[in-house]
Structure formats: structure tokens, C-alpha cells
PDB file of all heavy atoms in Angstrom:
ATOM      1  N   ILE A   1      93.286 115.034  54.846  1.00  0.00           N
ATOM      2  CA  ILE A   1      94.587 115.685  54.682  1.00  0.00           C
ATOM      3  C   ILE A   1      95.579 115.002  55.615  1.00  0.00           C
ATOM      4  O   ILE A   1      95.486 115.078  56.839  1.00  0.00           O
ATOM      5  CB  ILE A   1      94.508 117.198  55.000  1.00  0.00           C
ATOM      6  CG1 ILE A   1      93.479 117.859  54.073  1.00  0.00           C
ATOM      7  CG2 ILE A   1      95.870 117.846  54.811  1.00  0.00           C
ATOM      8  CD1 ILE A   1      93.283 119.336  54.266  1.00  0.00           C
ATOM      9  N   SER A   2      96.500 114.310  55.010  1.00  0.00           N
ATOM     10  CA  SER A   2      97.505 113.561  55.770  1.00  0.00           C
ATOM     11  C   SER A   2      98.526 114.510  56.381  1.00  0.00           C
ATOM     12  O   SER A   2      98.854 115.554  55.810  1.00  0.00           O
ATOM     13  CB  SER A   2      98.191 112.524  54.883  1.00  0.00           C
ATOM     14  OG  SER A   2      98.847 113.156  53.798  1.00  0.00           O
ATOM     15  N   SER A   3      99.018 114.148  57.561  1.00  0.00           N
ATOM     16  CA  SER A   3     100.096 114.873  58.255  1.00  0.00           C
ATOM     17  C   SER A   3      99.805 116.367  58.412  1.00  0.00           C
ATOM     18  O   SER A   3     100.711 117.181  58.341  1.00  0.00           O
ATOM     19  CB  SER A   3     101.414 114.683  57.492  1.00  0.00           C
ATOM     20  OG  SER A   3     101.718 113.334  57.339  1.00  0.00           O
ATOM     21  N   LEU A   4      98.553 116.722  58.641  1.00  0.00           N
ATOM     22  CA  LEU A   4      98.214 118.127  58.793  1.00  0.00           C
ATOM     23  C   LEU A   4      98.685 118.681  60.128  1.00  0.00           C
ATOM     24  O   LEU A   4      99.142 119.816  60.226  1.00  0.00           O
ATOM     25  CB  LEU A   4      96.695 118.329  58.660  1.00  0.00           C
ATOM     26  CG  LEU A   4      96.184 119.762  58.835  1.00  0.00           C
ATOM     27  CD1 LEU A   4      96.751 120.676  57.740  1.00  0.00           C
ATOM     28  CD2 LEU A   4      94.667 119.810  58.831  1.00  0.00           C
ATOM     29  N   LEU A   5      98.605 117.871  61.191  1.00  0.00           N
ATOM     30  CA  LEU A   5      98.967 118.322  62.523  1.00  0.00           C
ATOM     31  C   LEU A   5     100.274 117.667  62.967  1.00  0.00           C
ATOM     32  O   LEU A   5     100.572 116.518  62.599  1.00  0.00           O
ATOM     33  CB  LEU A   5      97.869 117.947  63.518  1.00  0.00           C
ATOM     34  CG  LEU A   5      96.513 118.643  63.341  1.00  0.00           C
ATOM     35  CD1 LEU A   5      95.500 118.079  64.317  1.00  0.00           C
ATOM     36  CD2 LEU A   5      96.648 120.153  63.510  1.00  0.00           C
ATOM     37  N   PRO A   6     101.046 118.369  63.787  1.00  0.00           N
ATOM     38  CA  PRO A   6     102.266 117.756  64.331  1.00  0.00           C
ATOM     39  C   PRO A   6     101.880 116.665  65.354  1.00  0.00           C
ATOM     40  O   PRO A   6     100.856 116.755  66.026  1.00  0.00           O
ATOM     41  CB  PRO A   6     102.990 118.902  65.007  1.00  0.00           C
ATOM     42  CG  PRO A   6     101.911 119.902  65.320  1.00  0.00           C
ATOM     43  CD  PRO A   6     100.887 119.757  64.242  1.00  0.00           C
ATOM     44  N   SER A   7     102.730 115.673  65.497  1.00  0.00           N
ATOM     45  CA  SER A   7     102.435 114.544  66.386  1.00  0.00           C
ATOM     46  C   SER A   7     102.538 114.936  67.867  1.00  0.00           C
ATOM     47  O   SER A   7     101.797 114.373  68.702  1.00  0.00           O
ATOM     48  CB  SER A   7     103.378 113.379  66.086  1.00  0.00           C
ATOM     49  OG  SER A   7     103.054 112.774  64.871  1.00  0.00           O
ATOM     50  N   LYS A   8     103.449 115.847  68.211  1.00  0.00           N
ATOM     51  CA  LYS A   8     103.751 116.077  69.621  1.00  0.00           C
ATOM     52  C   LYS A   8     102.518 116.454  70.450  1.00  0.00           C
ATOM     53  O   LYS A   8     102.290 115.823  71.505  1.00  0.00           O
ATOM     54  CB  LYS A   8     104.834 117.157  69.745  1.00  0.00           C
ATOM     55  CG  LYS A   8     105.247 117.411  71.186  1.00  0.00           C
ATOM     56  CD  LYS A   8     106.367 118.458  71.293  1.00  0.00           C
ATOM     57  CE  LYS A   8     106.734 118.707  72.744  1.00  0.00           C
ATOM     58  NZ  LYS A   8     107.794 119.733  72.863  1.00  0.00           N
ATOM     59  N   PRO A   9     101.720 117.476  70.067  1.00  0.00           N
ATOM     60  CA  PRO A   9     100.576 117.811  70.924  1.00  0.00           C
ATOM     61  C   PRO A   9      99.507 116.707  70.968  1.00  0.00           C
ATOM     62  O   PRO A   9      98.835 116.543  71.991  1.00  0.00           O
ATOM     63  CB  PRO A   9     100.007 119.086  70.294  1.00  0.00           C
ATOM     64  CG  PRO A   9     100.521 119.074  68.868  1.00  0.00           C
ATOM     65  CD  PRO A   9     101.870 118.414  68.933  1.00  0.00           C
ATOM     66  N   LEU A  10      99.406 115.929  69.905  1.00  0.00           N
ATOM     67  CA  LEU A  10      98.451 114.823  69.889  1.00  0.00           C
ATOM     68  C   LEU A  10      98.897 113.717  70.847  1.00  0.00           C
ATOM     69  O   LEU A  10      98.098 113.177  71.618  1.00  0.00           O
ATOM     70  CB  LEU A  10      98.328 114.242  68.471  1.00  0.00           C
ATOM     71  CG  LEU A  10      97.811 115.209  67.384  1.00  0.00           C
ATOM     72  CD1 LEU A  10      97.845 114.542  66.043  1.00  0.00           C
ATOM     73  CD2 LEU A  10      96.405 115.684  67.711  1.00  0.00           C
ATOM     74  N   GLU A  11     100.175 113.407  70.822  1.00  0.00           N
ATOM     75  CA  GLU A  11     100.686 112.381  71.717  1.00  0.00           C
ATOM     76  C   GLU A  11     100.639 112.820  73.174  1.00  0.00           C
ATOM     77  O   GLU A  11     100.307 112.021  74.071  1.00  0.00           O
ATOM     78  CB  GLU A  11     102.108 112.013  71.335  1.00  0.00           C
ATOM     79  CG  GLU A  11     102.722 110.851  72.116  1.00  0.00           C
ATOM     80  CD  GLU A  11     102.004 109.526  71.905  1.00  0.00           C
ATOM     81  OE1 GLU A  11     101.150 109.431  70.984  1.00  0.00           O
ATOM     82  OE2 GLU A  11     102.273 108.595  72.659  1.00  0.00           O
ATOM     83  N   GLU A  12     100.939 114.087  73.441  1.00  0.00           N
ATOM     84  CA  GLU A  12     100.859 114.592  74.805  1.00  0.00           C
ATOM     85  C   GLU A  12      99.445 114.489  75.346  1.00  0.00           C
ATOM     86  O   GLU A  12      99.239 114.086  76.503  1.00  0.00           O
ATOM     87  CB  GLU A  12     101.359 116.036  74.858  1.00  0.00           C
ATOM     88  CG  GLU A  12     102.863 116.169  74.668  1.00  0.00           C
ATOM     89  CD  GLU A  12     103.334 117.625  74.589  1.00  0.00           C
ATOM     90  OE1 GLU A  12     102.451 118.512  74.488  1.00  0.00           O
ATOM     91  OE2 GLU A  12     104.562 117.854  74.621  1.00  0.00           O
ATOM     92  N   LEU A  13      98.475 114.856  74.525  1.00  0.00           N
ATOM     93  CA  LEU A  13      97.072 114.750  74.953  1.00  0.00           C
ATOM     94  C   LEU A  13      96.659 113.304  75.129  1.00  0.00           C
ATOM     95  O   LEU A  13      95.987 112.936  76.116  1.00  0.00           O
ATOM     96  CB  LEU A  13      96.145 115.441  73.939  1.00  0.00           C
ATOM     97  CG  LEU A  13      94.644 115.338  74.216  1.00  0.00           C
ATOM     98  CD1 LEU A  13      94.293 115.900  75.582  1.00  0.00           C
ATOM     99  CD2 LEU A  13      93.855 116.051  73.120  1.00  0.00           C
ATOM    100  N   ARG A  14      97.075 112.448  74.216  1.00  0.00           N
ATOM    101  CA  ARG A  14      96.749 111.020  74.312  1.00  0.00           C
ATOM    102  C   ARG A  14      97.275 110.421  75.612  1.00  0.00           C
ATOM    103  O   ARG A  14      96.552 109.696  76.307  1.00  0.00           O
ATOM    104  CB  ARG A  14      97.328 110.258  73.109  1.00  0.00           C
ATOM    105  CG  ARG A  14      96.893 108.786  73.053  1.00  0.00           C
ATOM    106  CD  ARG A  14      97.468 108.103  71.833  1.00  0.00           C
ATOM    107  NE  ARG A  14      98.860 107.703  72.048  1.00  0.00           N
ATOM    108  CZ  ARG A  14      99.252 106.471  72.413  1.00  0.00           C
ATOM    109  NH1 ARG A  14      98.345 105.531  72.617  1.00  0.00           N
ATOM    110  NH2 ARG A  14     100.534 106.205  72.557  1.00  0.00           N
ATOM    111  N   LEU A  15      98.506 110.736  75.974  1.00  0.00           N
ATOM    112  CA  LEU A  15      99.106 110.173  77.178  1.00  0.00           C
ATOM    113  C   LEU A  15      98.383 110.686  78.432  1.00  0.00           C
ATOM    114  O   LEU A  15      98.201 109.939  79.397  1.00  0.00           O
ATOM    115  CB  LEU A  15     100.592 110.497  77.248  1.00  0.00           C
ATOM    116  CG  LEU A  15     101.463 109.774  76.211  1.00  0.00           C
ATOM    117  CD1 LEU A  15     102.894 110.253  76.281  1.00  0.00           C
ATOM    118  CD2 LEU A  15     101.397 108.250  76.398  1.00  0.00           C
ATOM    119  N   LYS A  16      97.949 111.946  78.425  1.00  0.00           N
ATOM    120  CA  LYS A  16      97.188 112.438  79.566  1.00  0.00           C
ATOM    121  C   LYS A  16      95.834 111.756  79.673  1.00  0.00           C
ATOM    122  O   LYS A  16      95.381 111.416  80.768  1.00  0.00           O
ATOM    123  CB  LYS A  16      97.033 113.970  79.463  1.00  0.00           C
ATOM    124  CG  LYS A  16      98.325 114.710  79.692  1.00  0.00           C
ATOM    125  CD  LYS A  16      98.117 116.220  79.764  1.00  0.00           C
ATOM    126  CE  LYS A  16      99.437 116.910  80.106  1.00  0.00           C
ATOM    127  NZ  LYS A  16      99.295 118.355  80.297  1.00  0.00           N
ATOM    128  N   ASN A  17      95.187 111.553  78.522  1.00  0.00           N
ATOM    129  CA  ASN A  17      93.933 110.810  78.519  1.00  0.00           C
ATOM    130  C   ASN A  17      94.137 109.357  78.983  1.00  0.00           C
ATOM    131  O   ASN A  17      93.326 108.799  79.743  1.00  0.00           O
ATOM    132  CB  ASN A  17      93.294 110.808  77.118  1.00  0.00           C
ATOM    133  CG  ASN A  17      92.641 112.112  76.762  1.00  0.00           C
ATOM    134  OD1 ASN A  17      92.428 112.962  77.617  1.00  0.00           O
ATOM    135  ND2 ASN A  17      92.323 112.270  75.512  1.00  0.00           N
ATOM    136  N   LEU A  18      95.241 108.754  78.544  1.00  0.00           N
ATOM    137  CA  LEU A  18      95.505 107.393  78.921  1.00  0.00           C
ATOM    138  C   LEU A  18      95.802 107.233  80.414  1.00  0.00           C
ATOM    139  O   LEU A  18      95.480 106.222  81.009  1.00  0.00           O
ATOM    140  CB  LEU A  18      96.675 106.830  78.105  1.00  0.00           C
ATOM    141  CG  LEU A  18      96.385 106.538  76.622  1.00  0.00           C
ATOM    142  CD1 LEU A  18      97.661 106.096  75.914  1.00  0.00           C
ATOM    143  CD2 LEU A  18      95.288 105.465  76.487  1.00  0.00           C
ATOM    144  N   GLN A  19      96.378 108.276  81.016  1.00  0.00           N
ATOM    145  CA  GLN A  19      96.624 108.223  82.456  1.00  0.00           C
ATOM    146  C   GLN A  19      95.287 108.210  83.203  1.00  0.00           C
ATOM    147  O   GLN A  19      95.123 107.485  84.198  1.00  0.00           O
ATOM    148  CB  GLN A  19      97.482 109.404  82.905  1.00  0.00           C
ATOM    149  CG  GLN A  19      97.910 109.282  84.369  1.00  0.00           C
ATOM    150  CD  GLN A  19      98.712 108.034  84.643  1.00  0.00           C
ATOM    151  OE1 GLN A  19      99.772 107.818  84.076  1.00  0.00           O
ATOM    152  NE2 GLN A  19      98.192 107.176  85.525  1.00  0.00           N
ATOM    153  N   VAL A  20      94.333 109.030  82.732  1.00  0.00           N
ATOM    154  CA  VAL A  20      92.993 108.978  83.317  1.00  0.00           C
ATOM    155  C   VAL A  20      92.401 107.586  83.150  1.00  0.00           C
ATOM    156  O   VAL A  20      91.803 107.041  84.080  1.00  0.00           O
ATOM    157  CB  VAL A  20      92.078 110.053  82.654  1.00  0.00           C
ATOM    158  CG1 VAL A  20      90.646 109.918  83.159  1.00  0.00           C
ATOM    159  CG2 VAL A  20      92.611 111.464  82.918  1.00  0.00           C
ATOM    160  N   ALA A  21      92.570 107.028  81.943  1.00  0.00           N
ATOM    161  CA  ALA A  21      92.030 105.698  81.653  1.00  0.00           C
ATOM    162  C   ALA A  21      92.694 104.643  82.529  1.00  0.00           C
ATOM    163  O   ALA A  21      92.008 103.742  83.044  1.00  0.00           O
ATOM    164  CB  ALA A  21      92.244 105.370  80.176  1.00  0.00           C
ATOM    165  N   ARG A  22      93.997 104.750  82.735  1.00  0.00           N
ATOM    166  CA  ARG A  22      94.682 103.780  83.615  1.00  0.00           C
ATOM    167  C   ARG A  22      94.173 103.869  85.065  1.00  0.00           C
ATOM    168  O   ARG A  22      93.934 102.864  85.713  1.00  0.00           O
ATOM    169  CB  ARG A  22      96.186 103.974  83.573  1.00  0.00           C
ATOM    170  CG  ARG A  22      96.932 103.235  84.682  1.00  0.00           C
ATOM    171  CD  ARG A  22      98.390 103.006  84.358  1.00  0.00           C
ATOM    172  NE  ARG A  22      98.525 101.886  83.442  1.00  0.00           N
ATOM    173  CZ  ARG A  22      99.703 101.490  82.899  1.00  0.00           C
ATOM    174  NH1 ARG A  22     100.790 102.166  83.170  1.00  0.00           N
ATOM    175  NH2 ARG A  22      99.727 100.463  82.080  1.00  0.00           N
ATOM    176  N   ASN A  23      93.992 105.097  85.533  1.00  0.00           N
ATOM    177  CA  ASN A  23      93.500 105.283  86.895  1.00  0.00           C
ATOM    178  C   ASN A  23      92.113 104.671  87.064  1.00  0.00           C
ATOM    179  O   ASN A  23      91.729 104.259  88.176  1.00  0.00           O
ATOM    180  CB  ASN A  23      93.466 106.757  87.236  1.00  0.00           C
ATOM    181  CG  ASN A  23      94.853 107.385  87.339  1.00  0.00           C
ATOM    182  OD1 ASN A  23      95.844 106.680  87.466  1.00  0.00           O
ATOM    183  ND2 ASN A  23      94.906 108.705  87.264  1.00  0.00           N
ATOM    184  N   ALA A  24      91.372 104.614  85.951  1.00  0.00           N
ATOM    185  CA  ALA A  24      90.010 104.039  85.988  1.00  0.00           C
ATOM    186  C   ALA A  24      90.027 102.533  85.791  1.00  0.00           C
ATOM    187  O   ALA A  24      88.957 101.895  85.847  1.00  0.00           O
ATOM    188  CB  ALA A  24      89.147 104.691  84.929  1.00  0.00           C
ATOM    189  N   GLY A  25      91.173 101.954  85.508  1.00  0.00           N
ATOM    190  CA  GLY A  25      91.244 100.523  85.255  1.00  0.00           C
ATOM    191  C   GLY A  25      90.908 100.099  83.852  1.00  0.00           C
ATOM    192  O   GLY A  25      90.656  98.946  83.571  1.00  0.00           O
ATOM    193  N   TRP A  26      90.894 101.084  82.934  1.00  0.00           N
ATOM    194  CA  TRP A  26      90.580 100.782  81.530  1.00  0.00           C
ATOM    195  C   TRP A  26      91.773 100.177  80.788  1.00  0.00           C
ATOM    196  O   TRP A  26      91.597  99.620  79.709  1.00  0.00           O
ATOM    197  CB  TRP A  26      90.150 102.031  80.801  1.00  0.00           C
ATOM    198  CG  TRP A  26      88.847 102.614  81.246  1.00  0.00           C
ATOM    199  CD1 TRP A  26      88.056 102.173  82.271  1.00  0.00           C
ATOM    200  CD2 TRP A  26      88.175 103.754  80.683  1.00  0.00           C
ATOM    201  NE1 TRP A  26      86.940 103.000  82.374  1.00  0.00           N
ATOM    202  CE2 TRP A  26      86.986 103.955  81.422  1.00  0.00           C
ATOM    203  CE3 TRP A  26      88.464 104.620  79.632  1.00  0.00           C
ATOM    204  CZ2 TRP A  26      86.086 104.966  81.121  1.00  0.00           C
ATOM    205  CZ3 TRP A  26      87.577 105.643  79.340  1.00  0.00           C
ATOM    206  CH2 TRP A  26      86.407 105.827  80.080  1.00  0.00           C
ATOM    207  N   ILE A  27      92.977 100.332  81.362  1.00  0.00           N
ATOM    208  CA  ILE A  27      94.204  99.845  80.717  1.00  0.00           C
ATOM    209  C   ILE A  27      94.851  98.806  81.625  1.00  0.00           C
ATOM    210  O   ILE A  27      94.895  98.988  82.850  1.00  0.00           O
ATOM    211  CB  ILE A  27      95.181 101.009  80.451  1.00  0.00           C
ATOM    212  CG1 ILE A  27      94.593 101.971  79.429  1.00  0.00           C
ATOM    213  CG2 ILE A  27      96.532 100.482  79.961  1.00  0.00           C
ATOM    214  CD1 ILE A  27      95.463 103.199  79.208  1.00  0.00           C
ATOM    215  N   GLN A  28      95.374  97.746  81.054  1.00  0.00           N
ATOM    216  CA  GLN A  28      96.043  96.708  81.844  1.00  0.00           C
ATOM    217  C   GLN A  28      97.235  97.298  82.569  1.00  0.00           C
ATOM    218  O   GLN A  28      98.112  97.928  81.967  1.00  0.00           O
ATOM    219  CB  GLN A  28      96.480  95.563  80.936  1.00  0.00           C
ATOM    220  CG  GLN A  28      95.287  94.780  80.334  1.00  0.00           C
ATOM    221  CD  GLN A  28      95.725  93.606  79.504  1.00  0.00           C
ATOM    222  OE1 GLN A  28      96.897  93.241  79.463  1.00  0.00           O
ATOM    223  NE2 GLN A  28      94.781  92.962  78.828  1.00  0.00           N
ATOM    224  N   SER A  29      97.263  97.115  83.871  1.00  0.00           N
ATOM    225  CA  SER A  29      98.241  97.785  84.730  1.00  0.00           C
ATOM    226  C   SER A  29      99.673  97.327  84.483  1.00  0.00           C
ATOM    227  O   SER A  29     100.607  98.089  84.726  1.00  0.00           O
ATOM    228  CB  SER A  29      97.872  97.582  86.194  1.00  0.00           C
ATOM    229  OG  SER A  29      97.848  96.181  86.505  1.00  0.00           O
ATOM    230  N   GLU A  30      99.859  96.120  83.989  1.00  0.00           N
ATOM    231  CA  GLU A  30     101.211  95.580  83.816  1.00  0.00           C
ATOM    232  C   GLU A  30     101.826  95.956  82.462  1.00  0.00           C
ATOM    233  O   GLU A  30     102.956  95.564  82.171  1.00  0.00           O
ATOM    234  CB  GLU A  30     101.194  94.056  83.983  1.00  0.00           C
ATOM    235  CG  GLU A  30     100.505  93.287  82.884  1.00  0.00           C
ATOM    236  CD  GLU A  30      98.987  93.189  83.077  1.00  0.00           C
ATOM    237  OE1 GLU A  30      98.472  93.923  83.950  1.00  0.00           O
ATOM    238  OE2 GLU A  30      98.351  92.412  82.353  1.00  0.00           O
ATOM    239  N   THR A  31     101.118  96.686  81.630  1.00  0.00           N
ATOM    240  CA  THR A  31     101.604  97.051  80.302  1.00  0.00           C
ATOM    241  C   THR A  31     101.997  98.519  80.269  1.00  0.00           C
ATOM    242  O   THR A  31     101.481  99.321  81.048  1.00  0.00           O
ATOM    243  CB  THR A  31     100.561  96.776  79.225  1.00  0.00           C
ATOM    244  OG1 THR A  31      99.392  97.574  79.496  1.00  0.00           O
ATOM    245  CG2 THR A  31     100.158  95.304  79.200  1.00  0.00           C
ATOM    246  N   PRO A  32     102.906  98.908  79.376  1.00  0.00           N
ATOM    247  CA  PRO A  32     103.284 100.333  79.255  1.00  0.00           C
ATOM    248  C   PRO A  32     102.095 101.218  78.895  1.00  0.00           C
ATOM    249  O   PRO A  32     101.250 100.810  78.085  1.00  0.00           O
ATOM    250  CB  PRO A  32     104.321 100.316  78.122  1.00  0.00           C
ATOM    251  CG  PRO A  32     104.868  98.927  78.080  1.00  0.00           C
ATOM    252  CD  PRO A  32     103.727  98.046  78.475  1.00  0.00           C
ATOM    253  N   LEU A  33     102.050 102.392  79.481  1.00  0.00           N
ATOM    254  CA  LEU A  33     100.911 103.283  79.275  1.00  0.00           C
ATOM    255  C   LEU A  33     100.723 103.603  77.809  1.00  0.00           C
ATOM    256  O   LEU A  33      99.585 103.583  77.304  1.00  0.00           O
ATOM    257  CB  LEU A  33     101.166 104.591  80.059  1.00  0.00           C
ATOM    258  CG  LEU A  33     100.063 105.643  79.966  1.00  0.00           C
ATOM    259  CD1 LEU A  33      98.804 105.195  80.662  1.00  0.00           C
ATOM    260  CD2 LEU A  33     100.552 106.973  80.541  1.00  0.00           C
ATOM    261  N   ASN A  34     101.810 103.877  77.094  1.00  0.00           N
ATOM    262  CA  ASN A  34     101.660 104.320  75.698  1.00  0.00           C
ATOM    263  C   ASN A  34     101.161 103.232  74.760  1.00  0.00           C
ATOM    264  O   ASN A  34     100.703 103.516  73.654  1.00  0.00           O
ATOM    265  CB  ASN A  34     102.984 104.869  75.159  1.00  0.00           C
ATOM    266  CG  ASN A  34     104.073 103.818  75.038  1.00  0.00           C
ATOM    267  OD1 ASN A  34     104.028 102.785  75.727  1.00  0.00           O
ATOM    268  ND2 ASN A  34     105.032 104.067  74.180  1.00  0.00           N
ATOM    269  N   GLU A  35     101.147 101.966  75.230  1.00  0.00           N
ATOM    270  CA  GLU A  35     100.608 100.891  74.393  1.00  0.00           C
ATOM    271  C   GLU A  35      99.115 100.792  74.490  1.00  0.00           C
ATOM    272  O   GLU A  35      98.465 100.173  73.631  1.00  0.00           O
ATOM    273  CB  GLU A  35     101.261  99.558  74.776  1.00  0.00           C
ATOM    274  CG  GLU A  35     102.744  99.490  74.416  1.00  0.00           C
ATOM    275  CD  GLU A  35     103.346  98.136  74.726  1.00  0.00           C
ATOM    276  OE1 GLU A  35     102.591  97.209  75.096  1.00  0.00           O
ATOM    277  OE2 GLU A  35     104.592  98.009  74.603  1.00  0.00           O
ATOM    278  N   ALA A  36      98.508 101.395  75.500  1.00  0.00           N
ATOM    279  CA  ALA A  36      97.051 101.516  75.640  1.00  0.00           C
ATOM    280  C   ALA A  36      96.330 100.173  75.543  1.00  0.00           C
ATOM    281  O   ALA A  36      95.251 100.074  74.976  1.00  0.00           O
ATOM    282  CB  ALA A  36      96.499 102.478  74.591  1.00  0.00           C
ATOM    283  N   VAL A  37      96.917  99.127  76.127  1.00  0.00           N
ATOM    284  CA  VAL A  37      96.297  97.806  76.065  1.00  0.00           C
ATOM    285  C   VAL A  37      95.069  97.780  76.977  1.00  0.00           C
ATOM    286  O   VAL A  37      95.162  98.007  78.189  1.00  0.00           O
ATOM    287  CB  VAL A  37      97.299  96.709  76.461  1.00  0.00           C
ATOM    288  CG1 VAL A  37      96.619  95.342  76.454  1.00  0.00           C
ATOM    289  CG2 VAL A  37      98.493  96.717  75.533  1.00  0.00           C
ATOM    290  N   ALA A  38      93.911  97.499  76.404  1.00  0.00           N
ATOM    291  CA  ALA A  38      92.647  97.643  77.124  1.00  0.00           C
ATOM    292  C   ALA A  38      92.420  96.532  78.128  1.00  0.00           C
ATOM    293  O   ALA A  38      92.767  95.365  77.888  1.00  0.00           O
ATOM    294  CB  ALA A  38      91.498  97.671  76.125  1.00  0.00           C
ATOM    295  N   GLU A  39      91.795  96.882  79.236  1.00  0.00           N
ATOM    296  CA  GLU A  39      91.294  95.920  80.230  1.00  0.00           C
ATOM    297  C   GLU A  39      89.818  95.697  79.894  1.00  0.00           C
ATOM    298  O   GLU A  39      88.979  96.541  80.213  1.00  0.00           O
ATOM    299  CB  GLU A  39      91.467  96.466  81.639  1.00  0.00           C
ATOM    300  CG  GLU A  39      90.929  95.560  82.723  1.00  0.00           C
ATOM    301  CD  GLU A  39      91.520  94.169  82.639  1.00  0.00           C
ATOM    302  OE1 GLU A  39      92.704  94.004  82.972  1.00  0.00           O
ATOM    303  OE2 GLU A  39      90.763  93.256  82.219  1.00  0.00           O
ATOM    304  N   LEU A  40      89.519  94.586  79.245  1.00  0.00           N
ATOM    305  CA  LEU A  40      88.169  94.384  78.712  1.00  0.00           C
ATOM    306  C   LEU A  40      87.133  94.229  79.808  1.00  0.00           C
ATOM    307  O   LEU A  40      85.939  94.529  79.575  1.00  0.00           O
ATOM    308  CB  LEU A  40      88.148  93.160  77.792  1.00  0.00           C
ATOM    309  CG  LEU A  40      89.051  93.261  76.544  1.00  0.00           C
ATOM    310  CD1 LEU A  40      88.868  92.029  75.648  1.00  0.00           C
ATOM    311  CD2 LEU A  40      88.760  94.538  75.745  1.00  0.00           C
ATOM    312  N   ASP A  41      87.548  93.806  80.993  1.00  0.00           N
ATOM    313  CA  ASP A  41      86.578  93.699  82.094  1.00  0.00           C
ATOM    314  C   ASP A  41      86.050  95.055  82.540  1.00  0.00           C
ATOM    315  O   ASP A  41      85.037  95.122  83.270  1.00  0.00           O
ATOM    316  CB  ASP A  41      87.222  92.972  83.289  1.00  0.00           C
ATOM    317  CG  ASP A  41      87.451  91.504  83.032  1.00  0.00           C
ATOM    318  OD1 ASP A  41      86.819  90.955  82.101  1.00  0.00           O
ATOM    319  OD2 ASP A  41      88.276  90.899  83.734  1.00  0.00           O
TER     320      ASP A  41
END
């Protein structure tokens, strides 16, 4: 079912998860958080 949920709560949760990921070094520090660019190391 396409577009069943609104984007806002999904994006808010994603950004909070990504902040945890950035703190762990899973995301490249020099890139914007919302781009979620992975640190493969």
C-alpha cells in the first residue's frame, strides 16, 4: 500500500536513529546527517 503513512514521523525517527549511528561512527562525519552516507570501515 503506497503512501499509507505520513512522512513526518518516519523522517523524525530516521533522523534520531541516524544520530545514534553518527555517534557510533557508522556515518561519515563530514556529510549531512540526513544523507546517511555510510562509513564502511
